[in-house]
Protein backbone atom coordinates (compact mmCIF):
# COMPACT_ATOMS: atom_id res chain seq x y z
CA UNK A 1 10.99 -31.65 -80.72
CA UNK A 2 10.30 -31.21 -77.42
CA UNK A 3 9.28 -34.93 -74.92
CA UNK A 4 7.18 -33.66 -72.17
CA UNK A 5 7.46 -37.00 -70.92
CA UNK A 6 4.00 -37.98 -70.69
CA UNK A 7 4.82 -41.56 -71.63
CA UNK A 8 6.85 -41.43 -68.11
CA UNK A 9 4.06 -40.57 -66.19
CA UNK A 10 1.07 -42.82 -64.88
CA UNK A 11 -2.78 -41.72 -64.91
CA UNK A 12 -2.92 -41.60 -61.19
CA UNK A 13 -0.86 -42.23 -58.37
CA UNK A 14 0.12 -45.70 -57.18
CA UNK A 15 -0.40 -46.95 -60.85
CA UNK A 16 2.75 -48.88 -62.57
CA UNK A 17 4.95 -46.77 -64.91
CA UNK A 18 6.43 -49.53 -67.40
CA UNK A 19 5.89 -52.97 -67.68
CA UNK A 20 9.73 -54.68 -66.76
CA UNK A 21 10.82 -57.83 -67.75
CA UNK A 22 13.20 -59.69 -65.00
CA UNK A 23 16.16 -58.59 -67.62
CA UNK A 24 14.79 -55.21 -67.43
CA UNK A 25 15.11 -55.26 -63.42
CA UNK A 26 18.45 -57.23 -63.61
CA UNK A 27 20.15 -53.99 -66.01
CA UNK A 28 18.53 -51.32 -64.05
CA UNK A 29 19.81 -52.88 -60.74
CA UNK A 30 23.47 -53.10 -61.79
CA UNK A 31 23.38 -49.26 -63.59
CA UNK A 32 21.71 -48.03 -60.02
CA UNK A 33 23.11 -50.49 -57.76
CA UNK A 34 19.69 -50.23 -56.19
CA UNK A 35 17.60 -53.41 -54.70
CA UNK A 36 14.60 -54.17 -57.42
CA UNK A 37 12.07 -53.52 -54.44
CA UNK A 38 13.29 -49.93 -54.50
CA UNK A 39 12.54 -48.97 -58.03
CA UNK A 40 9.87 -51.90 -59.47
CA UNK A 41 7.08 -52.56 -57.65
CA UNK A 42 4.04 -55.63 -58.15
CA UNK A 43 1.18 -53.66 -60.03
CA UNK A 44 -2.04 -55.09 -59.39
CA UNK A 45 -5.00 -54.91 -62.25
CA UNK A 46 -8.40 -54.63 -60.64
CA UNK A 47 -10.06 -57.21 -62.92
CA UNK A 48 -9.55 -59.56 -65.92
CA UNK A 49 -11.68 -57.17 -67.68
CA UNK A 50 -8.73 -54.60 -67.11
CA UNK A 51 -6.11 -56.99 -68.29
CA UNK A 52 -8.07 -57.28 -71.21
CA UNK A 53 -8.19 -53.89 -72.06
CA UNK A 54 -4.54 -53.45 -71.24
CA UNK A 55 -2.62 -56.42 -72.14
CA UNK A 56 -4.77 -57.61 -74.83
CA UNK A 57 -6.20 -54.80 -77.01
CA UNK A 58 -5.45 -54.38 -80.57
CA UNK A 59 -2.14 -51.96 -80.03
CA UNK A 60 -0.46 -54.45 -77.59
CA UNK A 61 -1.29 -57.08 -80.48
CA UNK A 62 0.98 -60.19 -79.62
CA UNK A 63 -0.86 -62.77 -77.81
CA UNK A 64 2.32 -63.24 -75.61
CA UNK A 65 2.00 -59.69 -73.84
CA UNK A 66 -1.79 -60.38 -73.24
CA UNK A 67 -0.50 -63.76 -71.19
CA UNK A 68 2.27 -61.40 -68.97
CA UNK A 69 -0.18 -60.95 -66.02
CA UNK A 70 -0.29 -63.66 -63.02
CA UNK A 71 -3.18 -63.55 -60.88
CA UNK A 72 -3.94 -59.74 -61.62
CA UNK A 73 -0.49 -58.53 -61.49
CA UNK A 74 2.63 -57.62 -63.19
CA UNK A 75 5.82 -56.16 -62.55
CA UNK A 76 6.31 -52.36 -62.93
CA UNK A 77 8.58 -49.40 -62.62
CA UNK A 78 7.62 -47.44 -59.46
CA UNK A 79 6.47 -43.81 -59.40
CA UNK A 80 7.92 -41.41 -57.03
CA UNK A 81 6.29 -40.97 -53.70
CA UNK A 82 3.29 -38.54 -53.81
CA UNK A 83 3.60 -38.60 -57.66
CA UNK A 84 2.34 -40.14 -60.66
CA UNK A 85 5.82 -40.12 -62.43
CA UNK A 86 8.50 -42.73 -63.04
CA UNK A 87 11.03 -42.56 -60.33
CA UNK A 88 13.52 -42.11 -63.05
CA UNK A 89 12.40 -39.27 -64.27
CA UNK A 90 14.52 -35.81 -63.32
CA UNK A 91 13.07 -32.58 -63.19
CA UNK A 92 14.27 -31.62 -66.82
CA UNK A 93 11.97 -34.68 -68.11
CA UNK A 94 15.13 -36.49 -68.62
CA UNK A 95 15.81 -40.02 -68.04
CA UNK A 96 18.43 -40.50 -65.39
CA UNK A 97 18.72 -44.30 -66.09
CA UNK A 98 18.75 -43.84 -70.12
CA UNK A 99 21.29 -46.30 -71.26
CA UNK A 100 19.86 -49.24 -68.69
CA UNK A 101 16.12 -47.77 -69.68
CA UNK A 102 13.42 -50.92 -69.59
CA UNK A 103 12.76 -52.24 -73.28
CA UNK A 104 9.16 -50.69 -73.44
CA UNK A 105 10.50 -47.28 -73.16
CA UNK A 106 13.31 -48.22 -75.31
CA UNK A 107 10.55 -49.06 -77.90
CA UNK A 108 8.30 -46.40 -77.57
CA UNK A 109 6.36 -45.14 -79.30
CA UNK A 110 6.65 -48.19 -81.71
CA UNK A 111 4.70 -51.23 -80.76
CA UNK A 112 5.37 -54.56 -82.43
CA UNK A 113 3.97 -58.20 -83.42
CA UNK A 114 5.76 -61.32 -83.79
CA UNK A 115 3.73 -63.55 -86.26
CA UNK A 116 5.38 -66.66 -87.47
CA UNK A 117 9.33 -65.56 -86.57
CA UNK A 118 8.93 -62.33 -88.30
CA UNK A 119 8.48 -58.61 -86.34
CA UNK A 120 5.94 -55.87 -87.59
CA UNK A 121 6.10 -52.94 -86.03
CA UNK A 122 2.94 -50.63 -85.36
CA UNK A 123 2.56 -47.39 -83.84
CA UNK A 124 1.80 -47.64 -79.59
CA UNK A 125 -1.63 -46.68 -78.65
CA UNK A 126 -2.27 -45.74 -75.07
CA UNK A 127 -5.45 -43.48 -76.10
CA UNK A 128 -5.91 -39.95 -74.97
CA UNK A 129 -4.73 -37.94 -72.82
CA UNK A 130 -1.19 -39.73 -73.20
CA UNK A 131 -1.24 -39.88 -77.14
CA UNK A 132 -2.47 -36.62 -77.37
CA UNK A 133 0.68 -34.94 -75.45
CA UNK A 134 3.22 -37.02 -77.39
CA UNK A 135 5.01 -34.99 -80.29
CA UNK A 136 5.12 -37.66 -82.24
CA UNK A 137 1.54 -39.19 -81.74
CA UNK A 138 -0.69 -36.46 -81.36
CA UNK A 139 -0.88 -35.85 -85.08
CA UNK A 140 -2.18 -39.42 -85.65
CA UNK A 141 0.63 -40.68 -87.93
CA UNK A 142 0.59 -44.01 -90.05
CA UNK A 143 2.73 -46.78 -88.43
CA UNK A 144 4.51 -46.66 -91.29
CA UNK A 145 5.10 -42.81 -90.87
CA UNK A 146 6.32 -43.46 -86.71
CA UNK A 147 8.83 -45.84 -88.50
CA UNK A 148 10.33 -43.10 -90.68
CA UNK A 149 10.27 -40.46 -87.38
CA UNK A 150 12.16 -43.74 -85.25
CA UNK A 151 14.63 -44.26 -88.10
CA UNK A 152 13.60 -47.69 -87.84
CA UNK A 153 16.38 -50.03 -89.24
CA UNK A 154 17.98 -53.80 -88.40
CA UNK A 155 19.18 -52.67 -85.22
CA UNK A 156 15.34 -52.03 -83.92
CA UNK A 157 14.25 -55.20 -85.38
CA UNK A 158 16.76 -56.87 -83.23
CA UNK A 159 15.81 -54.96 -80.42
CA UNK A 160 12.22 -55.81 -80.71
CA UNK A 161 13.23 -59.80 -81.25
CA UNK A 162 15.49 -59.35 -77.97
CA UNK A 163 12.21 -58.08 -75.94
CA UNK A 164 10.21 -60.62 -77.10
CA UNK A 165 12.28 -63.24 -76.04
CA UNK A 166 12.51 -61.53 -72.47
CA UNK A 167 8.45 -61.40 -72.47
CA UNK A 168 8.54 -65.18 -72.95
CA UNK A 169 11.11 -65.59 -70.38
CA UNK A 170 9.31 -63.21 -67.82
CA UNK A 171 5.97 -65.25 -68.51
CA UNK A 172 7.92 -68.75 -67.50
CA UNK A 173 8.89 -66.66 -64.38
CA UNK A 174 5.93 -64.90 -63.71
CA UNK A 175 4.59 -66.97 -60.81
CA UNK A 176 7.58 -65.75 -58.75
CA UNK A 177 7.20 -61.77 -59.03
CA UNK A 178 5.82 -61.66 -55.43
CA UNK A 179 9.32 -63.63 -54.08
CA UNK A 180 12.63 -61.82 -53.52
CA UNK A 181 13.57 -60.61 -57.03
CA UNK A 182 17.32 -59.89 -56.32
CA UNK A 183 17.69 -63.91 -55.57
CA UNK A 184 14.68 -65.16 -58.23
CA UNK A 185 17.60 -63.17 -60.85
CA UNK A 186 20.30 -65.01 -59.63
CA UNK A 187 18.54 -67.99 -60.25
CA UNK A 188 18.27 -67.16 -63.99
CA UNK A 189 19.85 -68.82 -66.98
CA UNK A 190 22.39 -66.85 -68.34
CA UNK A 191 20.95 -64.53 -70.82
CA UNK A 192 21.12 -65.14 -74.34
CA UNK A 193 21.87 -61.41 -74.91
CA UNK A 194 25.08 -60.36 -73.06
CA UNK A 195 23.69 -56.55 -73.73
CA UNK A 196 20.51 -54.46 -74.88
CA UNK A 197 21.77 -54.68 -78.83
């Protein structure tokens, strides 16, 4: 299966590529030696309606994800200059930071809800044209079929739980995303997880 990397491309220039937790930013910084401002940006939603559509829509499900925007803003991977593709996407459509890629990239094309402490996977759904270009999603598989293709095991449930905890931490600090994030990271408590599971 050849991946065209459409999920690594925004719909237009200047759009955020993928949501970053503060721990995502920390991992990418460590892997690349870059300053956070070199690969991350604050993505600004147009209005509350767009926040509602993107963050609180059915496919994102979990109420926590809907609360991650602060004053219509959210931390995101930057796109390349004069392009709508992720700054870390190579010409051969491979990720140059694959081992340190953000949580949302690790989960794709799965998403999850967490209710009463239990993770329930669903398929990610960005809608056309992205889903139609994805070799996994274009056949409109059920969530169960996507889980089968992704070989979901205990480790994937643990990864989702770690991601959930990182989103909760982000929600606590989201009011600081316009500050110097390299300094913000230094003020965070020790991470609960020493590495990505």
